Amino acid sequence: MKNTTLNICLLFSAMFLGLSCKDFNNPEQIPAYVYIAPFQKEVTLAQGSNSHQVTEAWMYADLNFLGVYEPGRAYPVLAEGLTNFRIFGGIRENAIDELISIYPMYDSIVINKELKAGRTDTLYPVLRYNSKTTFKFIEDFESNHIFTHDVDNNTNTRLEVSSEFVKEGTRSGKMEVSEASPVNEVGTTFIYEDLPVSGEAIFLEMDYYAEVPLFIGLEMFNPGQPTEKYFKLQLLPRVGWNKVYVRFNEEVRGFRKKGYRIIFSTSYDPAKEGQPQRAFIDNVKLIHL
């Protein structure tokens, strides 16, 4: 009995020592590093501007989810050798900082990179529109524009082409308000009747520079019924150009109207009396899958 007990103790001691030696001889794996360069965007002539505001990279390596990363930094990856990266561009949907999501209108980006422990390699992600993306309209305001519908029925207010502030090219669209004309509401010339109603992604992309609040919404139509207005969001005044991605598929699926116009509205701020009160927009696209 004593010999048996001794043998068992020796066996467990040997197992413990063996595991200890294995851990000692194999230190933690040294990671490779990947630097994610800022996103670039490639477009065809039929897809309009290459302006974008993709702020996050949703990263996969060999089908394993790594995380959501900010471009312009290096991150550790526990991989070595040829590694397949798949990157999805992330946006702040509806101009809400907390609502970060993958933008479904862009293809995922596939990059194969040979990694080495301790070395930093660079990934250069390039955004391209998904081949299934349909462009309902593109407006860059370089000539005549499509926001001619007078929603507020005031002949003194309109959206006009301007060269005062431009995002790209030589012109943008300008909406102005004053004490005499405190509201300016305009919409697309055309009514869009064939937007998908089964939940497929529908987005309005646009660049804006606003000195007053800018509202974005829909004017909705059904035969034999009064026209309805719905404003999705309000963009607050800000210095400099910004980009917004506005999702409309939930509204289109829920309202089930025959047709829609995209509408913009600005309003006068008495606290800024004597100052210019304008909103500029550029590179407007209505797109869907």
Protein backbone atom coordinates (compact mmCIF):
# COMPACT_ATOMS: atom_id res chain seq x y z
CA MET A 1 0.00 0.00 0.00
CA LYS A 2 2.83 2.39 0.89
CA ASN A 3 4.57 1.67 -2.44
CA THR A 4 1.32 2.27 -4.38
CA THR A 5 0.74 5.62 -2.64
CA LEU A 6 4.33 6.64 -3.34
CA ASN A 7 4.03 5.73 -7.01
CA ILE A 8 0.83 7.79 -7.36
CA CYS A 9 2.50 10.79 -5.70
CA LEU A 10 5.51 10.45 -7.99
CA LEU A 11 3.22 10.21 -11.03
CA PHE A 12 1.36 13.44 -10.17
CA SER A 13 4.65 15.18 -9.36
CA ALA A 14 6.04 14.19 -12.75
CA MET A 15 2.89 15.45 -14.53
CA PHE A 16 3.09 18.80 -12.71
CA LEU A 17 6.79 19.20 -13.48
CA GLY A 18 6.20 18.28 -17.12
CA LEU A 19 3.47 20.93 -17.50
CA SER A 20 5.64 23.47 -15.69
CA CYS A 21 8.57 22.83 -18.04
CA LYS A 22 6.26 23.14 -21.09
CA ASP A 23 4.92 26.53 -19.96
CA PHE A 24 8.45 27.74 -19.16
CA ASN A 25 9.83 26.79 -22.55
CA ASN A 26 6.90 28.34 -24.55
CA PRO A 27 6.43 31.99 -23.63
CA GLU A 28 3.31 33.86 -24.78
CA GLN A 29 2.97 34.22 -28.54
CA ILE A 30 4.44 37.45 -29.89
CA PRO A 31 1.81 39.25 -31.99
CA ALA A 32 2.20 40.70 -35.43
CA TYR A 33 0.91 44.24 -35.93
CA VAL A 34 -1.23 45.75 -38.68
CA TYR A 35 -1.51 49.46 -39.31
CA ILE A 36 -4.90 50.36 -40.81
CA ALA A 37 -4.45 53.24 -43.23
CA PRO A 38 -7.30 55.76 -43.59
CA PHE A 39 -10.04 54.58 -45.95
CA GLN A 40 -9.94 55.63 -49.59
CA LYS A 41 -12.95 55.40 -51.90
CA GLU A 42 -13.11 54.53 -55.59
CA VAL A 43 -16.18 55.34 -57.71
CA THR A 44 -17.21 55.18 -61.33
CA LEU A 45 -18.48 58.21 -63.23
CA ALA A 46 -22.04 56.95 -62.72
CA GLN A 47 -21.62 56.84 -58.91
CA GLY A 48 -20.88 60.49 -58.22
CA SER A 49 -18.47 61.84 -55.63
CA ASN A 50 -15.93 59.75 -53.72
CA SER A 51 -16.67 61.75 -50.55
CA HIS A 52 -17.12 59.53 -47.49
CA GLN A 53 -16.97 59.56 -43.72
CA VAL A 54 -16.16 55.98 -42.80
CA THR A 55 -14.77 56.21 -39.29
CA GLU A 56 -14.41 52.57 -38.17
CA ALA A 57 -13.08 49.32 -39.58
CA TRP A 58 -14.86 46.10 -38.66
CA MET A 59 -12.01 43.59 -38.89
CA TYR A 60 -11.87 39.84 -39.49
CA ALA A 61 -8.70 37.72 -39.87
CA ASP A 62 -9.14 34.25 -41.39
CA LEU A 63 -12.88 34.51 -40.59
CA ASN A 64 -12.20 35.34 -36.92
CA PHE A 65 -13.68 38.64 -35.71
CA LEU A 66 -10.93 40.90 -34.33
CA GLY A 67 -12.95 43.96 -33.35
CA VAL A 68 -13.98 47.44 -34.48
CA TYR A 69 -10.93 49.65 -34.97
CA GLU A 70 -10.20 53.26 -35.77
CA PRO A 71 -8.08 53.73 -38.92
CA GLY A 72 -4.75 55.49 -38.60
CA ARG A 73 -3.40 53.22 -35.85
CA ALA A 74 -1.57 49.90 -35.48
CA TYR A 75 -3.16 46.92 -33.71
CA PRO A 76 -1.79 43.54 -32.55
CA VAL A 77 -2.91 40.36 -34.31
CA LEU A 78 -2.12 36.86 -33.02
CA ALA A 79 -1.42 35.43 -36.45
CA GLU A 80 1.61 34.63 -38.58
CA GLY A 81 2.14 33.82 -42.23
CA LEU A 82 -0.36 34.52 -45.01
CA THR A 83 -3.48 35.96 -43.38
CA ASN A 84 -6.78 36.81 -45.03
CA PHE A 85 -8.29 40.07 -43.75
CA ARG A 86 -11.88 41.10 -44.43
CA ILE A 87 -12.75 44.70 -43.57
CA PHE A 88 -16.16 46.36 -43.43
CA GLY A 89 -16.49 50.15 -43.39
CA GLY A 90 -18.41 51.56 -40.42
CA ILE A 91 -20.45 54.78 -40.33
CA ARG A 92 -22.31 56.82 -37.73
CA GLU A 93 -25.83 56.21 -38.90
CA ASN A 94 -28.26 59.16 -38.86
CA ALA A 95 -25.46 61.38 -37.47
CA ILE A 96 -25.69 59.62 -34.10
CA ASP A 97 -22.25 59.05 -32.57
CA GLU A 98 -23.40 55.99 -30.62
CA LEU A 99 -25.07 54.36 -33.65
CA ILE A 100 -22.01 52.87 -35.37
CA SER A 101 -22.89 50.27 -37.99
CA ILE A 102 -21.48 48.59 -41.06
CA TYR A 103 -22.50 50.55 -44.16
CA PRO A 104 -24.29 48.00 -46.35
CA MET A 105 -23.81 49.99 -49.57
CA TYR A 106 -20.08 49.23 -49.66
CA ASP A 107 -18.48 45.90 -50.49
CA SER A 108 -16.37 44.23 -47.85
CA ILE A 109 -12.64 44.72 -48.48
CA VAL A 110 -10.43 41.64 -48.78
CA ILE A 111 -6.68 41.98 -48.25
CA ASN A 112 -4.18 39.12 -48.00
CA LYS A 113 -1.05 39.96 -46.03
CA GLU A 114 2.02 37.97 -45.00
CA LEU A 115 2.44 38.62 -41.28
CA LYS A 116 5.50 38.17 -39.10
CA ALA A 117 5.65 38.24 -35.31
CA GLY A 118 6.81 41.60 -33.99
CA ARG A 119 6.61 43.31 -37.39
CA THR A 120 4.13 46.01 -38.43
CA ASP A 121 2.46 45.69 -41.84
CA THR A 122 0.06 48.19 -43.40
CA LEU A 123 -3.43 47.52 -44.74
CA TYR A 124 -4.77 49.99 -47.32
CA PRO A 125 -8.60 49.65 -47.37
CA VAL A 126 -10.42 50.96 -50.45
CA LEU A 127 -14.19 51.44 -50.39
CA ARG A 128 -16.32 50.53 -53.40
CA TYR A 129 -20.08 50.49 -53.79
CA ASN A 130 -21.77 47.10 -53.73
CA SER A 131 -22.75 45.95 -57.23
CA LYS A 132 -26.37 45.66 -56.00
CA THR A 133 -26.53 49.36 -55.06
CA THR A 134 -29.13 51.31 -57.07
CA PHE A 135 -28.68 55.07 -57.45
CA LYS A 136 -32.07 56.81 -57.54
CA PHE A 137 -30.45 60.20 -57.95
CA ILE A 138 -27.10 61.97 -57.61
CA GLU A 139 -26.97 65.74 -57.17
CA ASP A 140 -23.70 67.72 -57.14
CA PHE A 141 -25.18 71.17 -58.01
CA GLU A 142 -22.61 71.79 -60.73
CA SER A 143 -25.43 72.78 -63.13
CA ASN A 144 -29.22 72.69 -62.84
CA HIS A 145 -30.44 70.79 -59.78
CA ILE A 146 -33.41 68.63 -58.79
CA PHE A 147 -34.44 70.36 -55.52
CA THR A 148 -36.93 72.70 -57.19
CA HIS A 149 -40.15 71.65 -55.43
CA ASP A 150 -41.44 74.51 -53.23
CA VAL A 151 -42.63 72.70 -50.10
CA ASP A 152 -43.35 75.86 -48.03
CA ASN A 153 -45.25 77.62 -50.88
CA ASN A 154 -43.17 80.75 -50.38
CA THR A 155 -41.79 82.16 -53.62
CA ASN A 156 -39.13 84.09 -51.65
CA THR A 157 -37.41 80.93 -50.43
CA ARG A 158 -35.65 78.28 -52.47
CA LEU A 159 -32.54 76.16 -52.82
CA GLU A 160 -30.15 77.85 -55.19
CA VAL A 161 -26.77 77.00 -56.66
CA SER A 162 -23.91 78.84 -54.94
CA SER A 163 -20.12 79.07 -55.06
CA GLU A 164 -19.75 80.58 -51.56
CA PHE A 165 -18.95 77.30 -49.81
CA VAL A 166 -18.32 74.09 -51.74
CA LYS A 167 -17.28 70.61 -50.69
CA GLU A 168 -16.07 69.60 -54.15
CA GLY A 169 -16.17 71.08 -57.60
CA THR A 170 -17.19 74.71 -57.97
CA ARG A 171 -20.75 74.83 -56.61
CA SER A 172 -23.06 73.59 -53.88
CA GLY A 173 -26.71 74.04 -52.97
CA LYS A 174 -27.63 76.92 -50.63
CA MET A 175 -30.72 77.46 -48.48
CA GLU A 176 -31.09 80.80 -46.69
CA VAL A 177 -33.57 82.13 -44.12
CA SER A 178 -34.23 85.58 -42.69
CA GLU A 179 -36.59 87.35 -40.31
CA ALA A 180 -38.88 88.11 -43.27
CA SER A 181 -38.78 84.49 -44.52
CA PRO A 182 -38.08 82.40 -41.41
CA VAL A 183 -38.71 78.97 -42.96
CA ASN A 184 -37.23 77.51 -46.13
CA GLU A 185 -38.49 74.08 -47.22
CA VAL A 186 -37.67 72.45 -50.54
CA GLY A 187 -37.97 69.00 -52.06
CA THR A 188 -36.94 66.96 -55.06
CA THR A 189 -38.58 67.78 -58.36
CA PHE A 190 -39.49 64.13 -58.84
CA ILE A 191 -41.58 61.74 -56.75
CA TYR A 192 -39.92 58.34 -56.30
CA GLU A 193 -42.47 55.53 -56.48
CA ASP A 194 -40.41 52.37 -56.66
CA LEU A 195 -38.39 52.35 -53.43
CA PRO A 196 -38.11 48.85 -51.91
CA VAL A 197 -40.65 48.08 -49.16
CA SER A 198 -39.30 44.77 -47.83
CA GLY A 199 -36.64 46.21 -45.56
CA GLU A 200 -33.78 46.55 -48.05
CA ALA A 201 -31.35 49.30 -47.06
CA ILE A 202 -32.27 52.81 -48.28
CA PHE A 203 -29.87 55.66 -47.53
CA LEU A 204 -29.51 59.33 -48.29
CA GLU A 205 -25.86 60.38 -48.40
CA MET A 206 -24.93 64.06 -48.34
CA ASP A 207 -22.32 66.61 -47.30
CA TYR A 208 -23.53 69.69 -45.43
CA TYR A 209 -22.30 72.94 -43.91
CA ALA A 210 -25.00 74.51 -41.71
CA GLU A 211 -25.18 77.86 -39.95
CA VAL A 212 -28.74 77.08 -38.86
CA PRO A 213 -30.50 73.80 -38.03
CA LEU A 214 -31.08 71.64 -41.10
CA PHE A 215 -33.92 69.11 -41.14
CA ILE A 216 -34.05 66.08 -43.48
CA GLY A 217 -37.19 64.14 -44.23
CA LEU A 218 -39.78 62.81 -46.62
CA GLU A 219 -42.85 64.20 -48.34
CA MET A 220 -45.22 61.26 -48.84
CA PHE A 221 -47.99 60.64 -51.35
CA ASN A 222 -50.94 58.29 -51.74
CA PRO A 223 -53.61 58.69 -54.45
CA GLY A 224 -56.68 60.53 -53.12
CA GLN A 225 -55.04 61.37 -49.78
CA PRO A 226 -53.48 64.59 -48.43
CA THR A 227 -49.72 64.95 -48.76
CA GLU A 228 -47.83 64.19 -45.53
CA LYS A 229 -44.47 65.44 -44.26
CA TYR A 230 -42.11 63.49 -42.03
CA PHE A 231 -38.76 64.79 -40.75
CA LYS A 232 -36.29 62.05 -39.86
CA LEU A 233 -33.62 64.12 -38.13
CA GLN A 234 -32.25 67.55 -37.32
CA LEU A 235 -28.64 68.46 -38.04
CA LEU A 236 -27.30 71.11 -35.71
CA PRO A 237 -25.21 74.07 -36.93
CA ARG A 238 -21.50 73.35 -37.23
CA VAL A 239 -18.38 74.96 -38.66
CA GLY A 240 -16.96 73.13 -41.68
CA TRP A 241 -18.27 70.36 -43.88
CA ASN A 242 -19.60 67.12 -42.49
CA LYS A 243 -21.16 64.03 -44.04
CA VAL A 244 -24.35 62.29 -42.99
CA TYR A 245 -25.82 58.88 -43.86
CA VAL A 246 -29.60 58.86 -43.30
CA ARG A 247 -31.38 55.49 -43.26
CA PHE A 248 -34.93 55.51 -44.61
CA ASN A 249 -35.86 51.84 -45.16
CA GLU A 250 -37.77 51.56 -41.86
CA GLU A 251 -39.95 54.56 -42.76
CA VAL A 252 -40.59 53.39 -46.32
CA ARG A 253 -41.55 49.92 -45.12
CA GLY A 254 -43.73 51.30 -42.34
CA PHE A 255 -45.54 54.14 -44.14
CA ARG A 256 -46.22 52.12 -47.32
CA LYS A 257 -46.92 55.20 -49.43
CA LYS A 258 -47.14 55.31 -53.20
CA GLY A 259 -44.33 57.83 -53.61
CA TYR A 260 -41.78 59.98 -51.79
CA ARG A 261 -39.83 63.18 -52.16
CA ILE A 262 -36.67 63.97 -50.23
CA ILE A 263 -37.19 67.29 -48.42
CA PHE A 264 -34.94 69.75 -46.57
CA SER A 265 -35.99 72.47 -44.14
CA THR A 266 -34.16 75.31 -42.40
CA SER A 267 -35.49 77.82 -39.87
CA TYR A 268 -34.54 81.32 -38.72
CA ASP A 269 -32.84 81.77 -35.33
CA PRO A 270 -33.72 85.17 -33.73
CA ALA A 271 -30.66 84.86 -31.48
CA LYS A 272 -28.46 85.20 -34.57
CA GLU A 273 -30.12 88.34 -35.89
CA GLY A 274 -27.85 90.21 -38.27
CA GLN A 275 -25.76 87.14 -39.08
CA PRO A 276 -25.97 85.02 -42.25
CA GLN A 277 -28.33 82.10 -41.68
CA ARG A 278 -27.60 79.56 -44.39
CA ALA A 279 -27.24 75.84 -44.98
CA PHE A 280 -25.11 74.43 -47.80
CA ILE A 281 -25.43 70.89 -49.15
CA ASP A 282 -23.42 68.94 -51.68
CA ASN A 283 -23.00 65.43 -53.13
CA VAL A 284 -26.53 64.27 -52.36
CA LYS A 285 -27.31 60.64 -53.27
CA LEU A 286 -30.43 58.56 -52.71
CA ILE A 287 -29.42 54.90 -52.97
CA HIS A 288 -30.80 51.50 -52.05
CA LEU A 289 -30.11 47.78 -52.35
